PDB file of N, CA and C in Angstrom:
ATOM      1  N   UNK A   1      21.680 -14.691   6.717  1.00  0.00           N
ATOM      2  CA  UNK A   1      21.187 -13.331   6.890  1.00  0.00           C
ATOM      3  C   UNK A   1      20.109 -13.337   7.979  1.00  0.00           C
ATOM      4  N   UNK A   2      20.242 -12.516   8.976  1.00  0.00           N
ATOM      5  CA  UNK A   2      19.308 -12.446  10.088  1.00  0.00           C
ATOM      6  C   UNK A   2      18.206 -11.453   9.766  1.00  0.00           C
ATOM      7  N   UNK A   3      17.022 -11.957   9.517  1.00  0.00           N
ATOM      8  CA  UNK A   3      15.895 -11.094   9.126  1.00  0.00           C
ATOM      9  C   UNK A   3      15.487 -10.143  10.243  1.00  0.00           C
ATOM     10  N   UNK A   4      15.888 -10.432  11.494  1.00  0.00           N
ATOM     11  CA  UNK A   4      15.552  -9.523  12.588  1.00  0.00           C
ATOM     12  C   UNK A   4      16.257  -8.179  12.445  1.00  0.00           C
ATOM     13  N   UNK A   5      17.289  -8.115  11.601  1.00  0.00           N
ATOM     14  CA  UNK A   5      17.993  -6.864  11.371  1.00  0.00           C
ATOM     15  C   UNK A   5      17.352  -6.039  10.263  1.00  0.00           C
ATOM     16  N   UNK A   6      16.373  -6.618   9.548  1.00  0.00           N
ATOM     17  CA  UNK A   6      15.760  -5.929   8.418  1.00  0.00           C
ATOM     18  C   UNK A   6      14.845  -4.802   8.877  1.00  0.00           C
ATOM     19  N   UNK A   7      14.923  -3.695   8.166  1.00  0.00           N
ATOM     20  CA  UNK A   7      14.012  -2.585   8.390  1.00  0.00           C
ATOM     21  C   UNK A   7      13.008  -2.512   7.261  1.00  0.00           C
ATOM     22  N   UNK A   8      11.827  -2.013   7.565  1.00  0.00           N
ATOM     23  CA  UNK A   8      10.780  -1.800   6.555  1.00  0.00           C
ATOM     24  C   UNK A   8      10.539  -0.301   6.461  1.00  0.00           C
ATOM     25  N   UNK A   9      10.529   0.193   5.216  1.00  0.00           N
ATOM     26  CA  UNK A   9      10.343   1.625   4.982  1.00  0.00           C
ATOM     27  C   UNK A   9       9.358   1.778   3.831  1.00  0.00           C
ATOM     28  N   UNK A  10       8.284   2.507   4.055  1.00  0.00           N
ATOM     29  CA  UNK A  10       7.284   2.750   3.013  1.00  0.00           C
ATOM     30  C   UNK A  10       7.276   4.236   2.700  1.00  0.00           C
ATOM     31  N   UNK A  11       7.416   4.537   1.406  1.00  0.00           N
ATOM     32  CA  UNK A  11       7.380   5.935   0.963  1.00  0.00           C
ATOM     33  C   UNK A  11       6.240   6.130  -0.033  1.00  0.00           C
ATOM     34  N   UNK A  12       5.744   7.356  -0.094  1.00  0.00           N
ATOM     35  CA  UNK A  12       4.645   7.681  -0.993  1.00  0.00           C
ATOM     36  C   UNK A  12       5.179   8.081  -2.376  1.00  0.00           C
ATOM     37  N   UNK A  13       4.314   8.478  -3.308  1.00  0.00           N
ATOM     38  CA  UNK A  13       4.775   8.833  -4.656  1.00  0.00           C
ATOM     39  C   UNK A  13       5.727  10.028  -4.702  1.00  0.00           C
ATOM     40  N   UNK A  14       5.742  10.822  -3.640  1.00  0.00           N
ATOM     41  CA  UNK A  14       6.645  11.969  -3.556  1.00  0.00           C
ATOM     42  C   UNK A  14       7.913  11.631  -2.766  1.00  0.00           C
ATOM     43  N   UNK A  15       8.112  10.355  -2.467  1.00  0.00           N
ATOM     44  CA  UNK A  15       9.273   9.851  -1.725  1.00  0.00           C
ATOM     45  C   UNK A  15       9.281  10.284  -0.259  1.00  0.00           C
ATOM     46  N   UNK A  16       8.111  10.618   0.281  1.00  0.00           N
ATOM     47  CA  UNK A  16       8.011  10.958   1.706  1.00  0.00           C
ATOM     48  C   UNK A  16       7.659   9.708   2.500  1.00  0.00           C
ATOM     49  N   UNK A  17       8.183   9.638   3.713  1.00  0.00           N
ATOM     50  CA  UNK A  17       7.984   8.482   4.576  1.00  0.00           C
ATOM     51  C   UNK A  17       6.562   8.442   5.110  1.00  0.00           C
ATOM     52  N   UNK A  18       5.873   7.322   4.858  1.00  0.00           N
ATOM     53  CA  UNK A  18       4.552   7.107   5.450  1.00  0.00           C
ATOM     54  C   UNK A  18       4.612   6.051   6.554  1.00  0.00           C
ATOM     55  N   UNK A  19       5.673   5.229   6.535  1.00  0.00           N
ATOM     56  CA  UNK A  19       5.871   4.247   7.588  1.00  0.00           C
ATOM     57  C   UNK A  19       7.346   3.848   7.615  1.00  0.00           C
ATOM     58  N   UNK A  20       7.862   3.692   8.819  1.00  0.00           N
ATOM     59  CA  UNK A  20       9.200   3.133   9.020  1.00  0.00           C
ATOM     60  C   UNK A  20       9.136   2.260  10.263  1.00  0.00           C
ATOM     61  N   UNK A  21       9.610   1.035  10.137  1.00  0.00           N
ATOM     62  CA  UNK A  21       9.627   0.142  11.294  1.00  0.00           C
ATOM     63  C   UNK A  21      10.651   0.640  12.306  1.00  0.00           C
ATOM     64  N   UNK A  22      10.522   0.144  13.525  1.00  0.00           N
ATOM     65  CA  UNK A  22      11.473   0.518  14.574  1.00  0.00           C
ATOM     66  C   UNK A  22      12.897   0.146  14.148  1.00  0.00           C
ATOM     67  N   UNK A  23      13.057  -1.020  13.509  1.00  0.00           N
ATOM     68  CA  UNK A  23      14.379  -1.450  13.065  1.00  0.00           C
ATOM     69  C   UNK A  23      14.919  -0.532  11.969  1.00  0.00           C
ATOM     70  N   UNK A  24      14.055  -0.033  11.094  1.00  0.00           N
ATOM     71  CA  UNK A  24      14.512   0.894  10.048  1.00  0.00           C
ATOM     72  C   UNK A  24      15.048   2.165  10.694  1.00  0.00           C
ATOM     73  N   UNK A  25      14.336   2.669  11.679  1.00  0.00           N
ATOM     74  CA  UNK A  25      14.798   3.861  12.391  1.00  0.00           C
ATOM     75  C   UNK A  25      16.146   3.598  13.069  1.00  0.00           C
ATOM     76  N   UNK A  26      16.312   2.404  13.649  1.00  0.00           N
ATOM     77  CA  UNK A  26      17.591   2.054  14.280  1.00  0.00           C
ATOM     78  C   UNK A  26      18.717   2.037  13.251  1.00  0.00           C
ATOM     79  N   UNK A  27      18.441   1.480  12.072  1.00  0.00           N
ATOM     80  CA  UNK A  27      19.453   1.437  11.012  1.00  0.00           C
ATOM     81  C   UNK A  27      19.941   2.851  10.705  1.00  0.00           C
ATOM     82  N   UNK A  28      19.011   3.809  10.710  1.00  0.00           N
ATOM     83  CA  UNK A  28      19.343   5.196  10.382  1.00  0.00           C
ATOM     84  C   UNK A  28      19.725   6.026  11.609  1.00  0.00           C
ATOM     85  N   UNK A  29      19.720   5.408  12.785  1.00  0.00           N
ATOM     86  CA  UNK A  29      20.108   6.120  14.004  1.00  0.00           C
ATOM     87  C   UNK A  29      19.142   7.222  14.387  1.00  0.00           C
ATOM     88  N   UNK A  30      17.857   6.999  14.124  1.00  0.00           N
ATOM     89  CA  UNK A  30      16.845   8.000  14.410  1.00  0.00           C
ATOM     90  C   UNK A  30      15.631   7.314  15.036  1.00  0.00           C
ATOM     91  N   UNK A  31      14.493   7.981  15.038  1.00  0.00           N
ATOM     92  CA  UNK A  31      13.269   7.398  15.588  1.00  0.00           C
ATOM     93  C   UNK A  31      12.204   7.320  14.503  1.00  0.00           C
ATOM     94  N   UNK A  32      11.228   6.462  14.755  1.00  0.00           N
ATOM     95  CA  UNK A  32      10.117   6.344  13.814  1.00  0.00           C
ATOM     96  C   UNK A  32       9.389   7.680  13.663  1.00  0.00           C
ATOM     97  N   UNK A  33       9.177   8.365  14.767  1.00  0.00           N
ATOM     98  CA  UNK A  33       8.437   9.633  14.693  1.00  0.00           C
ATOM     99  C   UNK A  33       9.216  10.687  13.915  1.00  0.00           C
ATOM    100  N   UNK A  34      10.541  10.689  14.033  1.00  0.00           N
ATOM    101  CA  UNK A  34      11.343  11.646  13.252  1.00  0.00           C
ATOM    102  C   UNK A  34      11.295  11.313  11.757  1.00  0.00           C
ATOM    103  N   UNK A  35      11.174  10.045  11.437  1.00  0.00           N
ATOM    104  CA  UNK A  35      11.134   9.648  10.030  1.00  0.00           C
ATOM    105  C   UNK A  35       9.785   9.947   9.384  1.00  0.00           C
ATOM    106  N   UNK A  36       8.697   9.827  10.164  1.00  0.00           N
ATOM    107  CA  UNK A  36       7.359   9.983   9.593  1.00  0.00           C
ATOM    108  C   UNK A  36       7.209  11.344   8.911  1.00  0.00           C
ATOM    109  N   UNK A  37       6.811  11.314   7.639  1.00  0.00           N
ATOM    110  CA  UNK A  37       6.598  12.538   6.876  1.00  0.00           C
ATOM    111  C   UNK A  37       7.851  13.134   6.274  1.00  0.00           C
ATOM    112  N   UNK A  38       9.023  12.573   6.631  1.00  0.00           N
ATOM    113  CA  UNK A  38      10.272  13.140   6.119  1.00  0.00           C
ATOM    114  C   UNK A  38      10.537  12.661   4.695  1.00  0.00           C
ATOM    115  N   UNK A  39      11.261  13.458   3.959  1.00  0.00           N
ATOM    116  CA  UNK A  39      11.672  13.124   2.601  1.00  0.00           C
ATOM    117  C   UNK A  39      12.729  12.019   2.683  1.00  0.00           C
ATOM    118  N   UNK A  40      12.494  10.917   1.992  1.00  0.00           N
ATOM    119  CA  UNK A  40      13.448   9.805   2.066  1.00  0.00           C
ATOM    120  C   UNK A  40      14.832  10.215   1.568  1.00  0.00           C
ATOM    121  N   UNK A  41      14.885  11.137   0.627  1.00  0.00           N
ATOM    122  CA  UNK A  41      16.171  11.585   0.096  1.00  0.00           C
ATOM    123  C   UNK A  41      16.999  12.352   1.127  1.00  0.00           C
ATOM    124  N   UNK A  42      16.381  12.747   2.239  1.00  0.00           N
ATOM    125  CA  UNK A  42      17.146  13.453   3.276  1.00  0.00           C
ATOM    126  C   UNK A  42      18.083  12.499   4.022  1.00  0.00           C
ATOM    127  N   UNK A  43      17.936  11.201   3.805  1.00  0.00           N
ATOM    128  CA  UNK A  43      18.808  10.210   4.435  1.00  0.00           C
ATOM    129  C   UNK A  43      19.909   9.747   3.484  1.00  0.00           C
ATOM    130  N   UNK A  44      20.271  10.619   2.565  1.00  0.00           N
ATOM    131  CA  UNK A  44      21.306  10.317   1.585  1.00  0.00           C
ATOM    132  C   UNK A  44      22.425  11.334   1.664  1.00  0.00           C
ATOM    133  N   UNK A  45      23.571  10.962   1.124  1.00  0.00           N
ATOM    134  CA  UNK A  45      24.661  11.903   0.957  1.00  0.00           C
ATOM    135  C   UNK A  45      24.407  12.676  -0.335  1.00  0.00           C
ATOM    136  N   UNK A  46      24.744  13.974  -0.377  1.00  0.00           N
ATOM    137  CA  UNK A  46      24.464  14.780  -1.571  1.00  0.00           C
ATOM    138  C   UNK A  46      24.976  14.156  -2.869  1.00  0.00           C
ATOM    139  N   UNK A  47      26.139  13.516  -2.805  1.00  0.00           N
ATOM    140  CA  UNK A  47      26.713  12.937  -4.026  1.00  0.00           C
ATOM    141  C   UNK A  47      25.951  11.696  -4.504  1.00  0.00           C
ATOM    142  N   UNK A  48      25.039  11.167  -3.691  1.00  0.00           N
ATOM    143  CA  UNK A  48      24.258   9.994  -4.081  1.00  0.00           C
ATOM    144  C   UNK A  48      22.844  10.346  -4.554  1.00  0.00           C
ATOM    145  N   UNK A  49      22.487  11.623  -4.523  1.00  0.00           N
ATOM    146  CA  UNK A  49      21.116  12.014  -4.858  1.00  0.00           C
ATOM    147  C   UNK A  49      20.724  11.650  -6.286  1.00  0.00           C
ATOM    148  N   UNK A  50      21.591  11.894  -7.266  1.00  0.00           N
ATOM    149  CA  UNK A  50      21.247  11.580  -8.649  1.00  0.00           C
ATOM    150  C   UNK A  50      20.994  10.090  -8.827  1.00  0.00           C
ATOM    151  N   UNK A  51      21.860   9.270  -8.259  1.00  0.00           N
ATOM    152  CA  UNK A  51      21.687   7.816  -8.367  1.00  0.00           C
ATOM    153  C   UNK A  51      20.392   7.378  -7.690  1.00  0.00           C
ATOM    154  N   UNK A  52      20.084   7.973  -6.536  1.00  0.00           N
ATOM    155  CA  UNK A  52      18.863   7.624  -5.813  1.00  0.00           C
ATOM    156  C   UNK A  52      17.628   8.039  -6.604  1.00  0.00           C
ATOM    157  N   UNK A  53      17.665   9.214  -7.212  1.00  0.00           N
ATOM    158  CA  UNK A  53      16.525   9.672  -8.020  1.00  0.00           C
ATOM    159  C   UNK A  53      16.311   8.740  -9.208  1.00  0.00           C
ATOM    160  N   UNK A  54      17.403   8.310  -9.830  1.00  0.00           N
ATOM    161  CA  UNK A  54      17.299   7.370 -10.953  1.00  0.00           C
ATOM    162  C   UNK A  54      16.662   6.054 -10.484  1.00  0.00           C
ATOM    163  N   UNK A  55      17.122   5.522  -9.350  1.00  0.00           N
ATOM    164  CA  UNK A  55      16.539   4.292  -8.816  1.00  0.00           C
ATOM    165  C   UNK A  55      15.054   4.474  -8.509  1.00  0.00           C
ATOM    166  N   UNK A  56      14.697   5.584  -7.887  1.00  0.00           N
ATOM    167  CA  UNK A  56      13.300   5.859  -7.554  1.00  0.00           C
ATOM    168  C   UNK A  56      12.451   5.855  -8.827  1.00  0.00           C
ATOM    169  N   UNK A  57      12.942   6.499  -9.875  1.00  0.00           N
ATOM    170  CA  UNK A  57      12.187   6.555 -11.130  1.00  0.00           C
ATOM    171  C   UNK A  57      12.026   5.181 -11.763  1.00  0.00           C
ATOM    172  N   UNK A  58      13.050   4.336 -11.689  1.00  0.00           N
ATOM    173  CA  UNK A  58      12.912   2.986 -12.248  1.00  0.00           C
ATOM    174  C   UNK A  58      11.919   2.170 -11.428  1.00  0.00           C
ATOM    175  N   UNK A  59      11.901   2.379 -10.117  1.00  0.00           N
ATOM    176  CA  UNK A  59      10.954   1.656  -9.271  1.00  0.00           C
ATOM    177  C   UNK A  59       9.530   2.123  -9.559  1.00  0.00           C
ATOM    178  N   UNK A  60       9.349   3.410  -9.813  1.00  0.00           N
ATOM    179  CA  UNK A  60       8.024   3.939 -10.170  1.00  0.00           C
ATOM    180  C   UNK A  60       7.473   3.243 -11.407  1.00  0.00           C
ATOM    181  N   UNK A  61       8.377   2.862 -12.312  1.00  0.00           N
ATOM    182  CA  UNK A  61       7.968   2.193 -13.553  1.00  0.00           C
ATOM    183  C   UNK A  61       7.798   0.685 -13.368  1.00  0.00           C
ATOM    184  N   UNK A  62       7.972   0.194 -12.143  1.00  0.00           N
ATOM    185  CA  UNK A  62       7.687  -1.204 -11.866  1.00  0.00           C
ATOM    186  C   UNK A  62       8.887  -2.101 -11.646  1.00  0.00           C
ATOM    187  N   UNK A  63      10.098  -1.577 -11.754  1.00  0.00           N
ATOM    188  CA  UNK A  63      11.289  -2.393 -11.520  1.00  0.00           C
ATOM    189  C   UNK A  63      11.355  -2.771 -10.040  1.00  0.00           C
ATOM    190  N   UNK A  64      11.436  -4.062  -9.758  1.00  0.00           N
ATOM    191  CA  UNK A  64      11.526  -4.492  -8.354  1.00  0.00           C
ATOM    192  C   UNK A  64      12.829  -5.234  -8.076  1.00  0.00           C
ATOM    193  N   UNK A  65      13.852  -4.966  -8.878  1.00  0.00           N
ATOM    194  CA  UNK A  65      15.155  -5.590  -8.649  1.00  0.00           C
ATOM    195  C   UNK A  65      15.809  -5.029  -7.398  1.00  0.00           C
ATOM    196  N   UNK A  66      16.419  -5.914  -6.638  1.00  0.00           N
ATOM    197  CA  UNK A  66      17.130  -5.512  -5.425  1.00  0.00           C
ATOM    198  C   UNK A  66      18.380  -4.724  -5.802  1.00  0.00           C
ATOM    199  N   UNK A  67      18.860  -3.919  -4.860  1.00  0.00           N
ATOM    200  CA  UNK A  67      20.075  -3.140  -5.078  1.00  0.00           C
ATOM    201  C   UNK A  67      20.738  -2.852  -3.743  1.00  0.00           C
ATOM    202  N   UNK A  68      22.003  -2.482  -3.798  1.00  0.00           N
ATOM    203  CA  UNK A  68      22.759  -2.083  -2.607  1.00  0.00           C
ATOM    204  C   UNK A  68      22.933  -0.573  -2.683  1.00  0.00           C
ATOM    205  N   UNK A  69      22.774   0.082  -1.524  1.00  0.00           N
ATOM    206  CA  UNK A  69      22.884   1.542  -1.516  1.00  0.00           C
ATOM    207  C   UNK A  69      23.444   2.007  -0.185  1.00  0.00           C
ATOM    208  N   UNK A  70      24.028   3.194  -0.209  1.00  0.00           N
ATOM    209  CA  UNK A  70      24.588   3.816   0.994  1.00  0.00           C
ATOM    210  C   UNK A  70      23.588   4.856   1.505  1.00  0.00           C
ATOM    211  N   UNK A  71      23.250   4.768   2.788  1.00  0.00           N
ATOM    212  CA  UNK A  71      22.376   5.743   3.426  1.00  0.00           C
ATOM    213  C   UNK A  71      23.170   6.547   4.438  1.00  0.00           C
ATOM    214  N   UNK A  72      22.648   7.736   4.765  1.00  0.00           N
ATOM    215  CA  UNK A  72      23.286   8.615   5.744  1.00  0.00           C
ATOM    216  C   UNK A  72      22.502   8.559   7.041  1.00  0.00           C
ATOM    217  N   UNK A  73      23.163   8.094   8.093  1.00  0.00           N
ATOM    218  CA  UNK A  73      22.541   8.033   9.412  1.00  0.00           C
ATOM    219  C   UNK A  73      22.413   9.450   9.997  1.00  0.00           C
ATOM    220  N   UNK A  74      21.607   9.580  11.026  1.00  0.00           N
ATOM    221  CA  UNK A  74      21.385  10.878  11.662  1.00  0.00           C
ATOM    222  C   UNK A  74      22.689  11.521  12.129  1.00  0.00           C
ATOM    223  N   UNK A  75      23.647  10.699  12.582  1.00  0.00           N
ATOM    224  CA  UNK A  75      24.924  11.241  13.054  1.00  0.00           C
ATOM    225  C   UNK A  75      25.898  11.559  11.910  1.00  0.00           C
ATOM    226  N   UNK A  76      25.448  11.361  10.665  1.00  0.00           N
ATOM    227  CA  UNK A  76      26.280  11.680   9.505  1.00  0.00           C
ATOM    228  C   UNK A  76      27.114  10.524   8.994  1.00  0.00           C
ATOM    229  N   UNK A  77      27.123   9.405   9.717  1.00  0.00           N
ATOM    230  CA  UNK A  77      27.896   8.251   9.266  1.00  0.00           C
ATOM    231  C   UNK A  77      27.146   7.499   8.167  1.00  0.00           C
ATOM    232  N   UNK A  78      27.878   6.668   7.449  1.00  0.00           N
ATOM    233  CA  UNK A  78      27.301   5.898   6.355  1.00  0.00           C
ATOM    234  C   UNK A  78      26.915   4.503   6.817  1.00  0.00           C
ATOM    235  N   UNK A  79      25.843   3.984   6.242  1.00  0.00           N
ATOM    236  CA  UNK A  79      25.456   2.593   6.437  1.00  0.00           C
ATOM    237  C   UNK A  79      25.050   2.043   5.073  1.00  0.00           C
ATOM    238  N   UNK A  80      25.657   0.925   4.701  1.00  0.00           N
ATOM    239  CA  UNK A  80      25.309   0.253   3.455  1.00  0.00           C
ATOM    240  C   UNK A  80      24.177  -0.719   3.723  1.00  0.00           C
ATOM    241  N   UNK A  81      23.207  -0.743   2.803  1.00  0.00           N
ATOM    242  CA  UNK A  81      22.053  -1.628   2.943  1.00  0.00           C
ATOM    243  C   UNK A  81      21.774  -2.327   1.615  1.00  0.00           C
ATOM    244  N   UNK A  82      21.257  -3.550   1.714  1.00  0.00           N
ATOM    245  CA  UNK A  82      20.665  -4.215   0.558  1.00  0.00           C
ATOM    246  C   UNK A  82      19.186  -3.897   0.621  1.00  0.00           C
ATOM    247  N   UNK A  83      18.635  -3.474  -0.494  1.00  0.00           N
ATOM    248  CA  UNK A  83      17.245  -3.034  -0.543  1.00  0.00           C
ATOM    249  C   UNK A  83      16.456  -3.937  -1.486  1.00  0.00           C
ATOM    250  N   UNK A  84      15.336  -4.453  -0.984  1.00  0.00           N
ATOM    251  CA  UNK A  84      14.395  -5.182  -1.821  1.00  0.00           C
ATOM    252  C   UNK A  84      13.143  -4.314  -1.936  1.00  0.00           C
ATOM    253  N   UNK A  85      12.989  -3.617  -3.070  1.00  0.00           N
ATOM    254  CA  UNK A  85      11.856  -2.710  -3.232  1.00  0.00           C
ATOM    255  C   UNK A  85      10.643  -3.407  -3.847  1.00  0.00           C
ATOM    256  N   UNK A  86       9.462  -2.979  -3.438  1.00  0.00           N
ATOM    257  CA  UNK A  86       8.222  -3.443  -4.045  1.00  0.00           C
ATOM    258  C   UNK A  86       7.370  -2.219  -4.370  1.00  0.00           C
ATOM    259  N   UNK A  87       7.286  -1.857  -5.656  1.00  0.00           N
ATOM    260  CA  UNK A  87       6.435  -0.731  -6.034  1.00  0.00           C
ATOM    261  C   UNK A  87       4.962  -1.049  -5.713  1.00  0.00           C
ATOM    262  N   UNK A  88       4.220  -0.020  -5.310  1.00  0.00           N
ATOM    263  CA  UNK A  88       2.808  -0.165  -4.949  1.00  0.00           C
ATOM    264  C   UNK A  88       1.967   0.601  -5.967  1.00  0.00           C
ATOM    265  N   UNK A  89       0.910  -0.040  -6.445  1.00  0.00           N
ATOM    266  CA  UNK A  89      -0.015   0.594  -7.393  1.00  0.00           C
ATOM    267  C   UNK A  89      -1.437   0.411  -6.887  1.00  0.00           C
ATOM    268  N   UNK A  90      -2.317   1.386  -7.190  1.00  0.00           N
ATOM    269  CA  UNK A  90      -3.715   1.219  -6.819  1.00  0.00           C
ATOM    270  C   UNK A  90      -4.421   0.392  -7.896  1.00  0.00           C
ATOM    271  N   UNK A  91      -5.714   0.174  -7.732  1.00  0.00           N
ATOM    272  CA  UNK A  91      -6.478  -0.674  -8.659  1.00  0.00           C
ATOM    273  C   UNK A  91      -6.463  -0.133 -10.082  1.00  0.00           C
ATOM    274  N   UNK A  92      -6.297   1.183 -10.239  1.00  0.00           N
ATOM    275  CA  UNK A  92      -6.262   1.800 -11.569  1.00  0.00           C
ATOM    276  C   UNK A  92      -4.858   1.778 -12.173  1.00  0.00           C
ATOM    277  N   UNK A  93      -3.903   1.201 -11.436  1.00  0.00           N
ATOM    278  CA  UNK A  93      -2.544   1.121 -11.948  1.00  0.00           C
ATOM    279  C   UNK A  93      -1.706   2.366 -11.703  1.00  0.00           C
ATOM    280  N   UNK A  94      -2.185   3.251 -10.835  1.00  0.00           N
ATOM    281  CA  UNK A  94      -1.462   4.486 -10.502  1.00  0.00           C
ATOM    282  C   UNK A  94      -0.443   4.185  -9.402  1.00  0.00           C
ATOM    283  N   UNK A  95       0.780   4.670  -9.597  1.00  0.00           N
ATOM    284  CA  UNK A  95       1.853   4.474  -8.632  1.00  0.00           C
ATOM    285  C   UNK A  95       1.519   5.145  -7.313  1.00  0.00           C
ATOM    286  N   UNK A  96       1.607   4.363  -6.207  1.00  0.00           N
ATOM    287  CA  UNK A  96       1.280   4.888  -4.880  1.00  0.00           C
ATOM    288  C   UNK A  96       2.454   4.917  -3.924  1.00  0.00           C
ATOM    289  N   UNK A  97       3.624   4.434  -4.359  1.00  0.00           N
ATOM    290  CA  UNK A  97       4.787   4.463  -3.488  1.00  0.00           C
ATOM    291  C   UNK A  97       5.566   3.166  -3.573  1.00  0.00           C
ATOM    292  N   UNK A  98       6.439   2.981  -2.596  1.00  0.00           N
ATOM    293  CA  UNK A  98       7.319   1.806  -2.570  1.00  0.00           C
ATOM    294  C   UNK A  98       7.435   1.292  -1.140  1.00  0.00           C
ATOM    295  N   UNK A  99       7.338  -0.027  -1.013  1.00  0.00           N
ATOM    296  CA  UNK A  99       7.671  -0.690   0.250  1.00  0.00           C
ATOM    297  C   UNK A  99       9.066  -1.269   0.065  1.00  0.00           C
ATOM    298  N   UNK A 100       9.959  -0.945   0.975  1.00  0.00           N
ATOM    299  CA  UNK A 100      11.311  -1.475   0.883  1.00  0.00           C
ATOM    300  C   UNK A 100      11.702  -2.236   2.124  1.00  0.00           C
ATOM    301  N   UNK A 101      12.394  -3.355   1.916  1.00  0.00           N
ATOM    302  CA  UNK A 101      13.014  -4.103   2.998  1.00  0.00           C
ATOM    303  C   UNK A 101      14.507  -3.805   2.939  1.00  0.00           C
ATOM    304  N   UNK A 102      15.056  -3.324   4.043  1.00  0.00           N
ATOM    305  CA  UNK A 102      16.443  -2.869   4.104  1.00  0.00           C
ATOM    306  C   UNK A 102      17.231  -3.772   5.055  1.00  0.00           C
ATOM    307  N   UNK A 103      18.280  -4.389   4.507  1.00  0.00           N
ATOM    308  CA  UNK A 103      19.141  -5.249   5.303  1.00  0.00           C
ATOM    309  C   UNK A 103      20.505  -4.564   5.427  1.00  0.00           C
ATOM    310  N   UNK A 104      20.884  -4.166   6.641  1.00  0.00           N
ATOM    311  CA  UNK A 104      22.157  -3.448   6.803  1.00  0.00           C
ATOM    312  C   UNK A 104      23.356  -4.385   6.702  1.00  0.00           C
ATOM    313  N   UNK A 105      24.478  -3.825   6.261  1.00  0.00           N
ATOM    314  CA  UNK A 105      25.756  -4.520   6.268  1.00  0.00           C
ATOM    315  C   UNK A 105      26.541  -4.000   7.459  1.00  0.00           C
ATOM    316  N   UNK A 106      26.923  -4.904   8.323  1.00  0.00           N
ATOM    317  CA  UNK A 106      27.613  -4.489   9.532  1.00  0.00           C
ATOM    318  C   UNK A 106      29.091  -4.766   9.416  1.00  0.00           C
TER     319      UNK A 106
END
């Protein structure tokens, strides 16, 4: 697995993008500036929203198990990624978001 293909995506507790690496933007066929502040769920197909919401909720509770998921690129095409999520908590134990490493399947 070539780690140079991995994208990094950080979302806040509301699932909005606070950071996306240049490679993450490339995976999604967009730019870092277009991703900043955007709802992460906007990069999904409508039929995958329920599954994505369920995954987000499990990650909020501390689950850091990797998973495979389909994302929607800016041009509407699909890209499958392996995701390694790391939930983020502040010192008081309050959920602050998720850092994800995304490895595309080509």
